[in-house]
């Protein structure tokens, strides 16, 4: 990447989902998506009070190995790395687009 280049998806991230085990079986964590993404915080600042921040995460609309569209679900976890900082989000909702992307609405629940 050159200094003046603007990328549509400049960051890297992973989206995971917990599949609850039944009975004595342990929960299983599966990787739903691992690749490029972009983020934008949409929470307005409210003085000096720490608050839960809301984000819109964008990923390209792609298919998994079984040919299913990858659209995150409520409760999935996102780990995103931007400029050396890694932080975690929880998916609130996701909406695929006919323009080839997925908009993911997520909350940052911890700092």
PDB file of N, CA and C in Angstrom:
ATOM      1  N   UNK A   1       0.845  -1.176   0.000  1.00  0.00           N
ATOM      2  CA  UNK A   1       0.000   0.000   0.000  1.00  0.00           C
ATOM      3  C   UNK A   1       0.888   1.237   0.000  1.00  0.00           C
ATOM      4  N   UNK A   2       0.576   2.156  -0.864  1.00  0.00           N
ATOM      5  CA  UNK A   2       1.316   3.410  -0.885  1.00  0.00           C
ATOM      6  C   UNK A   2       0.624   4.437   0.013  1.00  0.00           C
ATOM      7  N   UNK A   3       1.321   5.467   0.336  1.00  0.00           N
ATOM      8  CA  UNK A   3       0.817   6.485   1.264  1.00  0.00           C
ATOM      9  C   UNK A   3      -0.511   7.088   0.821  1.00  0.00           C
ATOM     10  N   UNK A   4      -0.695   7.356  -0.446  1.00  0.00           N
ATOM     11  CA  UNK A   4      -1.893   8.032  -0.939  1.00  0.00           C
ATOM     12  C   UNK A   4      -3.009   7.077  -1.352  1.00  0.00           C
ATOM     13  N   UNK A   5      -2.784   5.790  -1.209  1.00  0.00           N
ATOM     14  CA  UNK A   5      -3.786   4.809  -1.618  1.00  0.00           C
ATOM     15  C   UNK A   5      -4.852   4.662  -0.527  1.00  0.00           C
ATOM     16  N   UNK A   6      -6.109   4.693  -0.929  1.00  0.00           N
ATOM     17  CA  UNK A   6      -7.214   4.496   0.002  1.00  0.00           C
ATOM     18  C   UNK A   6      -7.835   3.135  -0.309  1.00  0.00           C
ATOM     19  N   UNK A   7      -7.855   2.271   0.691  1.00  0.00           N
ATOM     20  CA  UNK A   7      -8.396   0.932   0.521  1.00  0.00           C
ATOM     21  C   UNK A   7      -9.832   0.870   1.027  1.00  0.00           C
ATOM     22  N   UNK A   8     -10.656   0.082   0.352  1.00  0.00           N
ATOM     23  CA  UNK A   8     -12.039  -0.090   0.799  1.00  0.00           C
ATOM     24  C   UNK A   8     -12.086  -0.857   2.114  1.00  0.00           C
ATOM     25  N   UNK A   9     -11.220  -1.841   2.272  1.00  0.00           N
ATOM     26  CA  UNK A   9     -11.154  -2.653   3.489  1.00  0.00           C
ATOM     27  C   UNK A   9      -9.718  -2.624   4.017  1.00  0.00           C
ATOM     28  N   UNK A  10      -9.341  -1.610   4.789  1.00  0.00           N
ATOM     29  CA  UNK A  10      -7.943  -1.434   5.191  1.00  0.00           C
ATOM     30  C   UNK A  10      -7.488  -2.264   6.390  1.00  0.00           C
ATOM     31  N   UNK A  11      -8.404  -2.922   7.102  1.00  0.00           N
ATOM     32  CA  UNK A  11      -8.034  -3.620   8.330  1.00  0.00           C
ATOM     33  C   UNK A  11      -8.261  -5.118   8.181  1.00  0.00           C
ATOM     34  N   UNK A  12      -7.704  -5.866   9.122  1.00  0.00           N
ATOM     35  CA  UNK A  12      -7.890  -7.316   9.155  1.00  0.00           C
ATOM     36  C   UNK A  12      -8.731  -7.687  10.365  1.00  0.00           C
ATOM     37  N   UNK A  13      -9.509  -8.740  10.226  1.00  0.00           N
ATOM     38  CA  UNK A  13     -10.324  -9.166  11.352  1.00  0.00           C
ATOM     39  C   UNK A  13     -10.845 -10.573  11.201  1.00  0.00           C
ATOM     40  N   UNK A  14     -11.427 -11.043  12.293  1.00  0.00           N
ATOM     41  CA  UNK A  14     -11.992 -12.386  12.362  1.00  0.00           C
ATOM     42  C   UNK A  14     -13.367 -12.315  12.993  1.00  0.00           C
ATOM     43  N   UNK A  15     -14.311 -13.061  12.450  1.00  0.00           N
ATOM     44  CA  UNK A  15     -15.639 -13.181  13.041  1.00  0.00           C
ATOM     45  C   UNK A  15     -15.818 -14.634  13.464  1.00  0.00           C
ATOM     46  N   UNK A  16     -16.146 -14.833  14.734  1.00  0.00           N
ATOM     47  CA  UNK A  16     -16.325 -16.187  15.262  1.00  0.00           C
ATOM     48  C   UNK A  16     -17.736 -16.358  15.826  1.00  0.00           C
ATOM     49  N   UNK A  17     -18.154 -17.617  15.917  1.00  0.00           N
ATOM     50  CA  UNK A  17     -19.473 -17.965  16.455  1.00  0.00           C
ATOM     51  C   UNK A  17     -19.303 -19.127  17.422  1.00  0.00           C
ATOM     52  N   UNK A  18     -20.021 -19.076  18.526  1.00  0.00           N
ATOM     53  CA  UNK A  18     -19.989 -20.175  19.497  1.00  0.00           C
ATOM     54  C   UNK A  18     -21.177 -21.096  19.224  1.00  0.00           C
ATOM     55  N   UNK A  19     -20.883 -22.366  18.997  1.00  0.00           N
ATOM     56  CA  UNK A  19     -21.902 -23.394  18.835  1.00  0.00           C
ATOM     57  C   UNK A  19     -21.972 -24.140  20.154  1.00  0.00           C
ATOM     58  N   UNK A  20     -23.102 -24.007  20.844  1.00  0.00           N
ATOM     59  CA  UNK A  20     -23.226 -24.614  22.160  1.00  0.00           C
ATOM     60  C   UNK A  20     -23.289 -26.134  22.054  1.00  0.00           C
ATOM     61  N   UNK A  21     -22.502 -26.787  22.922  1.00  0.00           N
ATOM     62  CA  UNK A  21     -22.513 -28.241  22.983  1.00  0.00           C
ATOM     63  C   UNK A  21     -23.744 -28.723  23.737  1.00  0.00           C
ATOM     64  N   UNK A  22     -24.153 -29.939  23.457  1.00  0.00           N
ATOM     65  CA  UNK A  22     -25.308 -30.489  24.176  1.00  0.00           C
ATOM     66  C   UNK A  22     -24.818 -31.496  25.203  1.00  0.00           C
ATOM     67  N   UNK A  23     -25.504 -31.526  26.327  1.00  0.00           N
ATOM     68  CA  UNK A  23     -25.101 -32.451  27.392  1.00  0.00           C
ATOM     69  C   UNK A  23     -23.718 -32.127  27.907  1.00  0.00           C
ATOM     70  N   UNK A  24     -22.837 -33.114  27.847  1.00  0.00           N
ATOM     71  CA  UNK A  24     -21.471 -32.933  28.344  1.00  0.00           C
ATOM     72  C   UNK A  24     -20.500 -32.446  27.277  1.00  0.00           C
ATOM     73  N   UNK A  25     -20.990 -32.262  26.075  1.00  0.00           N
ATOM     74  CA  UNK A  25     -20.127 -31.779  24.999  1.00  0.00           C
ATOM     75  C   UNK A  25     -19.747 -30.322  25.250  1.00  0.00           C
ATOM     76  N   UNK A  26     -18.502 -29.988  24.982  1.00  0.00           N
ATOM     77  CA  UNK A  26     -18.017 -28.619  25.152  1.00  0.00           C
ATOM     78  C   UNK A  26     -18.527 -27.737  24.015  1.00  0.00           C
ATOM     79  N   UNK A  27     -18.638 -26.439  24.296  1.00  0.00           N
ATOM     80  CA  UNK A  27     -18.982 -25.480  23.253  1.00  0.00           C
ATOM     81  C   UNK A  27     -17.874 -25.474  22.200  1.00  0.00           C
ATOM     82  N   UNK A  28     -18.250 -25.198  20.979  1.00  0.00           N
ATOM     83  CA  UNK A  28     -17.300 -25.171  19.876  1.00  0.00           C
ATOM     84  C   UNK A  28     -17.261 -23.761  19.298  1.00  0.00           C
ATOM     85  N   UNK A  29     -16.072 -23.231  19.076  1.00  0.00           N
ATOM     86  CA  UNK A  29     -15.912 -21.911  18.456  1.00  0.00           C
ATOM     87  C   UNK A  29     -15.529 -22.132  17.002  1.00  0.00           C
ATOM     88  N   UNK A  30     -16.342 -21.589  16.092  1.00  0.00           N
ATOM     89  CA  UNK A  30     -16.036 -21.709  14.670  1.00  0.00           C
ATOM     90  C   UNK A  30     -15.717 -20.325  14.101  1.00  0.00           C
ATOM     91  N   UNK A  31     -14.858 -20.293  13.125  1.00  0.00           N
ATOM     92  CA  UNK A  31     -14.516 -19.049  12.444  1.00  0.00           C
ATOM     93  C   UNK A  31     -15.463 -18.891  11.265  1.00  0.00           C
ATOM     94  N   UNK A  32     -16.265 -17.834  11.302  1.00  0.00           N
ATOM     95  CA  UNK A  32     -17.232 -17.543  10.253  1.00  0.00           C
ATOM     96  C   UNK A  32     -16.553 -16.807   9.102  1.00  0.00           C
ATOM     97  N   UNK A  33     -15.642 -15.878   9.452  1.00  0.00           N
ATOM     98  CA  UNK A  33     -14.963 -15.061   8.452  1.00  0.00           C
ATOM     99  C   UNK A  33     -13.603 -14.666   8.987  1.00  0.00           C
ATOM    100  N   UNK A  34     -12.604 -14.670   8.117  1.00  0.00           N
ATOM    101  CA  UNK A  34     -11.254 -14.250   8.475  1.00  0.00           C
ATOM    102  C   UNK A  34     -10.687 -13.525   7.258  1.00  0.00           C
ATOM    103  N   UNK A  35     -10.573 -12.212   7.363  1.00  0.00           N
ATOM    104  CA  UNK A  35     -10.079 -11.470   6.212  1.00  0.00           C
ATOM    105  C   UNK A  35     -10.142  -9.977   6.407  1.00  0.00           C
ATOM    106  N   UNK A  36     -10.306  -9.263   5.292  1.00  0.00           N
ATOM    107  CA  UNK A  36     -10.282  -7.801   5.301  1.00  0.00           C
ATOM    108  C   UNK A  36     -11.622  -7.238   5.746  1.00  0.00           C
ATOM    109  N   UNK A  37     -11.555  -6.051   6.390  1.00  0.00           N
ATOM    110  CA  UNK A  37     -12.762  -5.358   6.819  1.00  0.00           C
ATOM    111  C   UNK A  37     -12.458  -3.892   7.051  1.00  0.00           C
ATOM    112  N   UNK A  38     -13.507  -3.127   7.220  1.00  0.00           N
ATOM    113  CA  UNK A  38     -13.387  -1.719   7.557  1.00  0.00           C
ATOM    114  C   UNK A  38     -14.284  -1.452   8.753  1.00  0.00           C
ATOM    115  N   UNK A  39     -14.012  -0.374   9.493  1.00  0.00           N
ATOM    116  CA  UNK A  39     -14.838  -0.045  10.652  1.00  0.00           C
ATOM    117  C   UNK A  39     -15.078   1.448  10.708  1.00  0.00           C
ATOM    118  N   UNK A  40     -16.206   1.797  11.299  1.00  0.00           N
ATOM    119  CA  UNK A  40     -16.565   3.198  11.491  1.00  0.00           C
ATOM    120  C   UNK A  40     -17.386   3.307  12.766  1.00  0.00           C
ATOM    121  N   UNK A  41     -16.913   4.112  13.723  1.00  0.00           N
ATOM    122  CA  UNK A  41     -17.655   4.293  14.966  1.00  0.00           C
ATOM    123  C   UNK A  41     -18.800   5.266  14.701  1.00  0.00           C
ATOM    124  N   UNK A  42     -20.000   4.912  15.166  1.00  0.00           N
ATOM    125  CA  UNK A  42     -21.168   5.748  14.919  1.00  0.00           C
ATOM    126  C   UNK A  42     -21.773   6.320  16.205  1.00  0.00           C
ATOM    127  N   UNK A  43     -21.111   6.125  17.338  1.00  0.00           N
ATOM    128  CA  UNK A  43     -21.592   6.661  18.606  1.00  0.00           C
ATOM    129  C   UNK A  43     -21.095   8.082  18.784  1.00  0.00           C
ATOM    130  N   UNK A  44     -21.996   8.981  19.115  1.00  0.00           N
ATOM    131  CA  UNK A  44     -21.610  10.359  19.394  1.00  0.00           C
ATOM    132  C   UNK A  44     -20.919  10.430  20.746  1.00  0.00           C
ATOM    133  N   UNK A  45     -19.946  11.321  20.854  1.00  0.00           N
ATOM    134  CA  UNK A  45     -19.284  11.530  22.144  1.00  0.00           C
ATOM    135  C   UNK A  45     -20.231  12.237  23.088  1.00  0.00           C
ATOM    136  N   UNK A  46     -20.192  11.821  24.347  1.00  0.00           N
ATOM    137  CA  UNK A  46     -21.016  12.456  25.370  1.00  0.00           C
ATOM    138  C   UNK A  46     -20.116  12.897  26.514  1.00  0.00           C
ATOM    139  N   UNK A  47     -19.419  14.007  26.312  1.00  0.00           N
ATOM    140  CA  UNK A  47     -18.526  14.521  27.351  1.00  0.00           C
ATOM    141  C   UNK A  47     -17.386  13.574  27.631  1.00  0.00           C
ATOM    142  N   UNK A  48     -17.087  13.405  28.907  1.00  0.00           N
ATOM    143  CA  UNK A  48     -15.960  12.554  29.305  1.00  0.00           C
ATOM    144  C   UNK A  48     -16.418  11.207  29.850  1.00  0.00           C
ATOM    145  N   UNK A  49     -17.667  10.855  29.634  1.00  0.00           N
ATOM    146  CA  UNK A  49     -18.221   9.611  30.162  1.00  0.00           C
ATOM    147  C   UNK A  49     -17.895   8.451  29.224  1.00  0.00           C
ATOM    148  N   UNK A  50     -17.318   7.389  29.782  1.00  0.00           N
ATOM    149  CA  UNK A  50     -17.092   6.187  28.982  1.00  0.00           C
ATOM    150  C   UNK A  50     -18.436   5.530  28.715  1.00  0.00           C
ATOM    151  N   UNK A  51     -18.590   5.014  27.522  1.00  0.00           N
ATOM    152  CA  UNK A  51     -19.847   4.378  27.154  1.00  0.00           C
ATOM    153  C   UNK A  51     -19.569   3.245  26.184  1.00  0.00           C
ATOM    154  N   UNK A  52     -20.590   2.432  25.974  1.00  0.00           N
ATOM    155  CA  UNK A  52     -20.483   1.387  24.970  1.00  0.00           C
ATOM    156  C   UNK A  52     -20.571   2.051  23.604  1.00  0.00           C
ATOM    157  N   UNK A  53     -19.637   1.764  22.741  1.00  0.00           N
ATOM    158  CA  UNK A  53     -19.602   2.380  21.413  1.00  0.00           C
ATOM    159  C   UNK A  53     -20.258   1.464  20.391  1.00  0.00           C
ATOM    160  N   UNK A  54     -20.894   2.071  19.424  1.00  0.00           N
ATOM    161  CA  UNK A  54     -21.502   1.331  18.319  1.00  0.00           C
ATOM    162  C   UNK A  54     -20.662   1.542  17.064  1.00  0.00           C
ATOM    163  N   UNK A  55     -20.518   0.491  16.281  1.00  0.00           N
ATOM    164  CA  UNK A  55     -19.696   0.521  15.070  1.00  0.00           C
ATOM    165  C   UNK A  55     -20.465  -0.073  13.904  1.00  0.00           C
ATOM    166  N   UNK A  56     -20.091   0.350  12.715  1.00  0.00           N
ATOM    167  CA  UNK A  56     -20.505  -0.330  11.496  1.00  0.00           C
ATOM    168  C   UNK A  56     -19.238  -0.943  10.913  1.00  0.00           C
ATOM    169  N   UNK A  57     -19.255  -2.247  10.777  1.00  0.00           N
ATOM    170  CA  UNK A  57     -18.141  -2.996  10.200  1.00  0.00           C
ATOM    171  C   UNK A  57     -18.559  -3.414   8.794  1.00  0.00           C
ATOM    172  N   UNK A  58     -17.679  -3.245   7.833  1.00  0.00           N
ATOM    173  CA  UNK A  58     -17.958  -3.641   6.454  1.00  0.00           C
ATOM    174  C   UNK A  58     -17.012  -4.757   6.051  1.00  0.00           C
ATOM    175  N   UNK A  59     -17.587  -5.787   5.418  1.00  0.00           N
ATOM    176  CA  UNK A  59     -16.791  -6.875   4.849  1.00  0.00           C
ATOM    177  C   UNK A  59     -17.313  -7.147   3.438  1.00  0.00           C
ATOM    178  N   UNK A  60     -16.489  -7.733   2.594  1.00  0.00           N
ATOM    179  CA  UNK A  60     -16.990  -8.108   1.273  1.00  0.00           C
ATOM    180  C   UNK A  60     -17.978  -9.268   1.402  1.00  0.00           C
ATOM    181  N   UNK A  61     -18.988  -9.289   0.549  1.00  0.00           N
ATOM    182  CA  UNK A  61     -19.956 -10.385   0.529  1.00  0.00           C
ATOM    183  C   UNK A  61     -19.314 -11.573  -0.181  1.00  0.00           C
ATOM    184  N   UNK A  62     -19.028 -12.614   0.588  1.00  0.00           N
ATOM    185  CA  UNK A  62     -18.353 -13.796   0.051  1.00  0.00           C
ATOM    186  C   UNK A  62     -19.100 -15.054   0.484  1.00  0.00           C
ATOM    187  N   UNK A  63     -18.685 -16.168  -0.085  1.00  0.00           N
ATOM    188  CA  UNK A  63     -19.282 -17.458   0.261  1.00  0.00           C
ATOM    189  C   UNK A  63     -18.285 -18.301   1.047  1.00  0.00           C
ATOM    190  N   UNK A  64     -18.812 -19.212   1.871  1.00  0.00           N
ATOM    191  CA  UNK A  64     -17.958 -20.135   2.610  1.00  0.00           C
ATOM    192  C   UNK A  64     -17.638 -21.346   1.733  1.00  0.00           C
ATOM    193  N   UNK A  65     -16.963 -22.333   2.314  1.00  0.00           N
ATOM    194  CA  UNK A  65     -16.549 -23.515   1.540  1.00  0.00           C
ATOM    195  C   UNK A  65     -17.728 -24.334   1.030  1.00  0.00           C
ATOM    196  N   UNK A  66     -18.887 -24.209   1.683  1.00  0.00           N
ATOM    197  CA  UNK A  66     -20.082 -24.957   1.271  1.00  0.00           C
ATOM    198  C   UNK A  66     -20.934 -24.176   0.276  1.00  0.00           C
ATOM    199  N   UNK A  67     -20.497 -22.976  -0.114  1.00  0.00           N
ATOM    200  CA  UNK A  67     -21.236 -22.170  -1.072  1.00  0.00           C
ATOM    201  C   UNK A  67     -22.319 -21.308  -0.454  1.00  0.00           C
ATOM    202  N   UNK A  68     -22.338 -21.178   0.883  1.00  0.00           N
ATOM    203  CA  UNK A  68     -23.318 -20.336   1.567  1.00  0.00           C
ATOM    204  C   UNK A  68     -22.763 -18.931   1.731  1.00  0.00           C
ATOM    205  N   UNK A  69     -23.634 -17.927   1.613  1.00  0.00           N
ATOM    206  CA  UNK A  69     -23.217 -16.548   1.811  1.00  0.00           C
ATOM    207  C   UNK A  69     -22.818 -16.339   3.262  1.00  0.00           C
ATOM    208  N   UNK A  70     -21.751 -15.595   3.490  1.00  0.00           N
ATOM    209  CA  UNK A  70     -21.282 -15.307   4.844  1.00  0.00           C
ATOM    210  C   UNK A  70     -21.947 -14.018   5.317  1.00  0.00           C
ATOM    211  N   UNK A  71     -22.917 -14.177   6.228  1.00  0.00           N
ATOM    212  CA  UNK A  71     -23.602 -13.047   6.850  1.00  0.00           C
ATOM    213  C   UNK A  71     -23.602 -13.318   8.355  1.00  0.00           C
ATOM    214  N   UNK A  72     -22.876 -12.528   9.130  1.00  0.00           N
ATOM    215  CA  UNK A  72     -22.803 -12.754  10.574  1.00  0.00           C
ATOM    216  C   UNK A  72     -24.183 -12.687  11.230  1.00  0.00           C
ATOM    217  N   UNK A  73     -24.282 -13.329  12.389  1.00  0.00           N
ATOM    218  CA  UNK A  73     -25.532 -13.364  13.161  1.00  0.00           C
ATOM    219  C   UNK A  73     -25.365 -12.608  14.469  1.00  0.00           C
ATOM    220  N   UNK A  74     -26.480 -12.219  15.037  1.00  0.00           N
ATOM    221  CA  UNK A  74     -26.488 -11.556  16.343  1.00  0.00           C
ATOM    222  C   UNK A  74     -25.743 -12.425  17.350  1.00  0.00           C
ATOM    223  N   UNK A  75     -24.829 -11.815  18.091  1.00  0.00           N
ATOM    224  CA  UNK A  75     -24.057 -12.535  19.100  1.00  0.00           C
ATOM    225  C   UNK A  75     -22.704 -13.019  18.629  1.00  0.00           C
ATOM    226  N   UNK A  76     -22.455 -13.037  17.310  1.00  0.00           N
ATOM    227  CA  UNK A  76     -21.128 -13.403  16.818  1.00  0.00           C
ATOM    228  C   UNK A  76     -20.109 -12.396  17.344  1.00  0.00           C
ATOM    229  N   UNK A  77     -18.862 -12.825  17.462  1.00  0.00           N
ATOM    230  CA  UNK A  77     -17.800 -11.967  17.986  1.00  0.00           C
ATOM    231  C   UNK A  77     -16.876 -11.536  16.848  1.00  0.00           C
ATOM    232  N   UNK A  78     -16.474 -10.275  16.881  1.00  0.00           N
ATOM    233  CA  UNK A  78     -15.552  -9.732  15.889  1.00  0.00           C
ATOM    234  C   UNK A  78     -14.291  -9.290  16.608  1.00  0.00           C
ATOM    235  N   UNK A  79     -13.152  -9.684  16.063  1.00  0.00           N
ATOM    236  CA  UNK A  79     -11.865  -9.177  16.521  1.00  0.00           C
ATOM    237  C   UNK A  79     -11.252  -8.451  15.333  1.00  0.00           C
ATOM    238  N   UNK A  80     -11.008  -7.163  15.488  1.00  0.00           N
ATOM    239  CA  UNK A  80     -10.495  -6.339  14.388  1.00  0.00           C
ATOM    240  C   UNK A  80      -9.174  -5.697  14.811  1.00  0.00           C
ATOM    241  N   UNK A  81      -8.238  -5.661  13.887  1.00  0.00           N
ATOM    242  CA  UNK A  81      -6.938  -5.049  14.149  1.00  0.00           C
ATOM    243  C   UNK A  81      -6.761  -3.875  13.207  1.00  0.00           C
ATOM    244  N   UNK A  82      -6.521  -2.689  13.793  1.00  0.00           N
ATOM    245  CA  UNK A  82      -6.262  -1.488  13.003  1.00  0.00           C
ATOM    246  C   UNK A  82      -5.032  -0.802  13.573  1.00  0.00           C
ATOM    247  N   UNK A  83      -4.069  -0.568  12.748  1.00  0.00           N
ATOM    248  CA  UNK A  83      -2.832   0.131  13.115  1.00  0.00           C
ATOM    249  C   UNK A  83      -2.214  -0.427  14.395  1.00  0.00           C
ATOM    250  N   UNK A  84      -2.171  -1.742  14.510  1.00  0.00           N
ATOM    251  CA  UNK A  84      -1.531  -2.388  15.648  1.00  0.00           C
ATOM    252  C   UNK A  84      -2.405  -2.540  16.878  1.00  0.00           C
ATOM    253  N   UNK A  85      -3.598  -1.960  16.889  1.00  0.00           N
ATOM    254  CA  UNK A  85      -4.521  -2.090  18.010  1.00  0.00           C
ATOM    255  C   UNK A  85      -5.579  -3.134  17.666  1.00  0.00           C
ATOM    256  N   UNK A  86      -5.801  -4.073  18.577  1.00  0.00           N
ATOM    257  CA  UNK A  86      -6.828  -5.089  18.386  1.00  0.00           C
ATOM    258  C   UNK A  86      -7.929  -4.862  19.410  1.00  0.00           C
ATOM    259  N   UNK A  87      -9.176  -4.874  18.944  1.00  0.00           N
ATOM    260  CA  UNK A  87     -10.287  -4.758  19.876  1.00  0.00           C
ATOM    261  C   UNK A  87     -11.416  -5.675  19.450  1.00  0.00           C
ATOM    262  N   UNK A  88     -12.340  -5.924  20.382  1.00  0.00           N
ATOM    263  CA  UNK A  88     -13.409  -6.897  20.181  1.00  0.00           C
ATOM    264  C   UNK A  88     -14.775  -6.226  20.168  1.00  0.00           C
ATOM    265  N   UNK A  89     -15.643  -6.767  19.334  1.00  0.00           N
ATOM    266  CA  UNK A  89     -17.011  -6.278  19.193  1.00  0.00           C
ATOM    267  C   UNK A  89     -17.970  -7.461  19.216  1.00  0.00           C
ATOM    268  N   UNK A  90     -19.242  -7.165  19.471  1.00  0.00           N
ATOM    269  CA  UNK A  90     -20.298  -8.171  19.407  1.00  0.00           C
ATOM    270  C   UNK A  90     -21.309  -7.731  18.356  1.00  0.00           C
ATOM    271  N   UNK A  91     -21.678  -8.634  17.467  1.00  0.00           N
ATOM    272  CA  UNK A  91     -22.606  -8.329  16.381  1.00  0.00           C
ATOM    273  C   UNK A  91     -24.018  -8.129  16.942  1.00  0.00           C
ATOM    274  N   UNK A  92     -24.633  -7.016  16.533  1.00  0.00           N
ATOM    275  CA  UNK A  92     -26.028  -6.748  16.874  1.00  0.00           C
ATOM    276  C   UNK A  92     -26.950  -7.102  15.707  1.00  0.00           C
ATOM    277  N   UNK A  93     -26.483  -6.868  14.478  1.00  0.00           N
ATOM    278  CA  UNK A  93     -27.276  -7.136  13.288  1.00  0.00           C
ATOM    279  C   UNK A  93     -26.349  -7.075  12.079  1.00  0.00           C
ATOM    280  N   UNK A  94     -26.775  -7.649  10.965  1.00  0.00           N
ATOM    281  CA  UNK A  94     -25.988  -7.590   9.726  1.00  0.00           C
ATOM    282  C   UNK A  94     -26.933  -7.554   8.538  1.00  0.00           C
ATOM    283  N   UNK A  95     -26.513  -6.829   7.511  1.00  0.00           N
ATOM    284  CA  UNK A  95     -27.334  -6.660   6.320  1.00  0.00           C
ATOM    285  C   UNK A  95     -26.465  -6.776   5.073  1.00  0.00           C
ATOM    286  N   UNK A  96     -26.697  -7.825   4.237  1.00  0.00           N
ATOM    287  CA  UNK A  96     -25.943  -7.919   2.983  1.00  0.00           C
ATOM    288  C   UNK A  96     -26.476  -6.915   1.959  1.00  0.00           C
ATOM    289  N   UNK A  97     -25.638  -6.566   1.011  1.00  0.00           N
ATOM    290  CA  UNK A  97     -25.993  -5.596  -0.019  1.00  0.00           C
ATOM    291  C   UNK A  97     -25.815  -6.229  -1.396  1.00  0.00           C
ATOM    292  N   UNK A  98     -26.621  -5.774  -2.334  1.00  0.00           N
ATOM    293  CA  UNK A  98     -26.458  -6.233  -3.712  1.00  0.00           C
ATOM    294  C   UNK A  98     -25.231  -5.619  -4.363  1.00  0.00           C
ATOM    295  N   UNK A  99     -24.583  -4.689  -3.664  1.00  0.00           N
ATOM    296  CA  UNK A  99     -23.378  -4.044  -4.187  1.00  0.00           C
ATOM    297  C   UNK A  99     -22.117  -4.817  -3.820  1.00  0.00           C
ATOM    298  N   UNK A 100     -22.275  -5.983  -3.171  1.00  0.00           N
ATOM    299  CA  UNK A 100     -21.118  -6.828  -2.913  1.00  0.00           C
ATOM    300  C   UNK A 100     -20.489  -6.683  -1.548  1.00  0.00           C
ATOM    301  N   UNK A 101     -21.221  -6.163  -0.576  1.00  0.00           N
ATOM    302  CA  UNK A 101     -20.683  -6.017   0.773  1.00  0.00           C
ATOM    303  C   UNK A 101     -21.696  -6.415   1.827  1.00  0.00           C
ATOM    304  N   UNK A 102     -21.242  -6.466   3.064  1.00  0.00           N
ATOM    305  CA  UNK A 102     -22.105  -6.731   4.205  1.00  0.00           C
ATOM    306  C   UNK A 102     -21.847  -5.634   5.235  1.00  0.00           C
ATOM    307  N   UNK A 103     -22.907  -4.969   5.680  1.00  0.00           N
ATOM    308  CA  UNK A 103     -22.808  -3.994   6.760  1.00  0.00           C
ATOM    309  C   UNK A 103     -23.180  -4.699   8.053  1.00  0.00           C
ATOM    310  N   UNK A 104     -22.260  -4.640   9.019  1.00  0.00           N
ATOM    311  CA  UNK A 104     -22.453  -5.314  10.299  1.00  0.00           C
ATOM    312  C   UNK A 104     -22.543  -4.249  11.382  1.00  0.00           C
ATOM    313  N   UNK A 105     -23.625  -4.259  12.123  1.00  0.00           N
ATOM    314  CA  UNK A 105     -23.814  -3.317  13.224  1.00  0.00           C
ATOM    315  C   UNK A 105     -23.365  -4.025  14.493  1.00  0.00           C
ATOM    316  N   UNK A 106     -22.413  -3.420  15.211  1.00  0.00           N
ATOM    317  CA  UNK A 106     -21.786  -4.099  16.343  1.00  0.00           C
ATOM    318  C   UNK A 106     -21.551  -3.122  17.495  1.00  0.00           C
ATOM    319  N   UNK A 107     -21.382  -3.702  18.682  1.00  0.00           N
ATOM    320  CA  UNK A 107     -21.119  -2.923  19.906  1.00  0.00           C
ATOM    321  C   UNK A 107     -19.787  -3.315  20.495  1.00  0.00           C
ATOM    322  N   UNK A 108     -19.095  -2.325  21.028  1.00  0.00           N
ATOM    323  CA  UNK A 108     -17.840  -2.568  21.741  1.00  0.00           C
ATOM    324  C   UNK A 108     -18.185  -2.550  23.215  1.00  0.00           C
ATOM    325  N   UNK A 109     -18.110  -3.719  23.838  1.00  0.00           N
ATOM    326  CA  UNK A 109     -18.593  -3.848  25.200  1.00  0.00           C
ATOM    327  C   UNK A 109     -17.514  -3.715  26.258  1.00  0.00           C
ATOM    328  N   UNK A 110     -16.256  -3.638  25.851  1.00  0.00           N
ATOM    329  CA  UNK A 110     -15.182  -3.508  26.835  1.00  0.00           C
ATOM    330  C   UNK A 110     -14.052  -2.671  26.248  1.00  0.00           C
ATOM    331  N   UNK A 111     -13.238  -2.095  27.103  1.00  0.00           N
ATOM    332  CA  UNK A 111     -12.103  -1.269  26.675  1.00  0.00           C
ATOM    333  C   UNK A 111     -10.823  -1.895  27.135  1.00  0.00           C
TER     334      UNK A 111
END
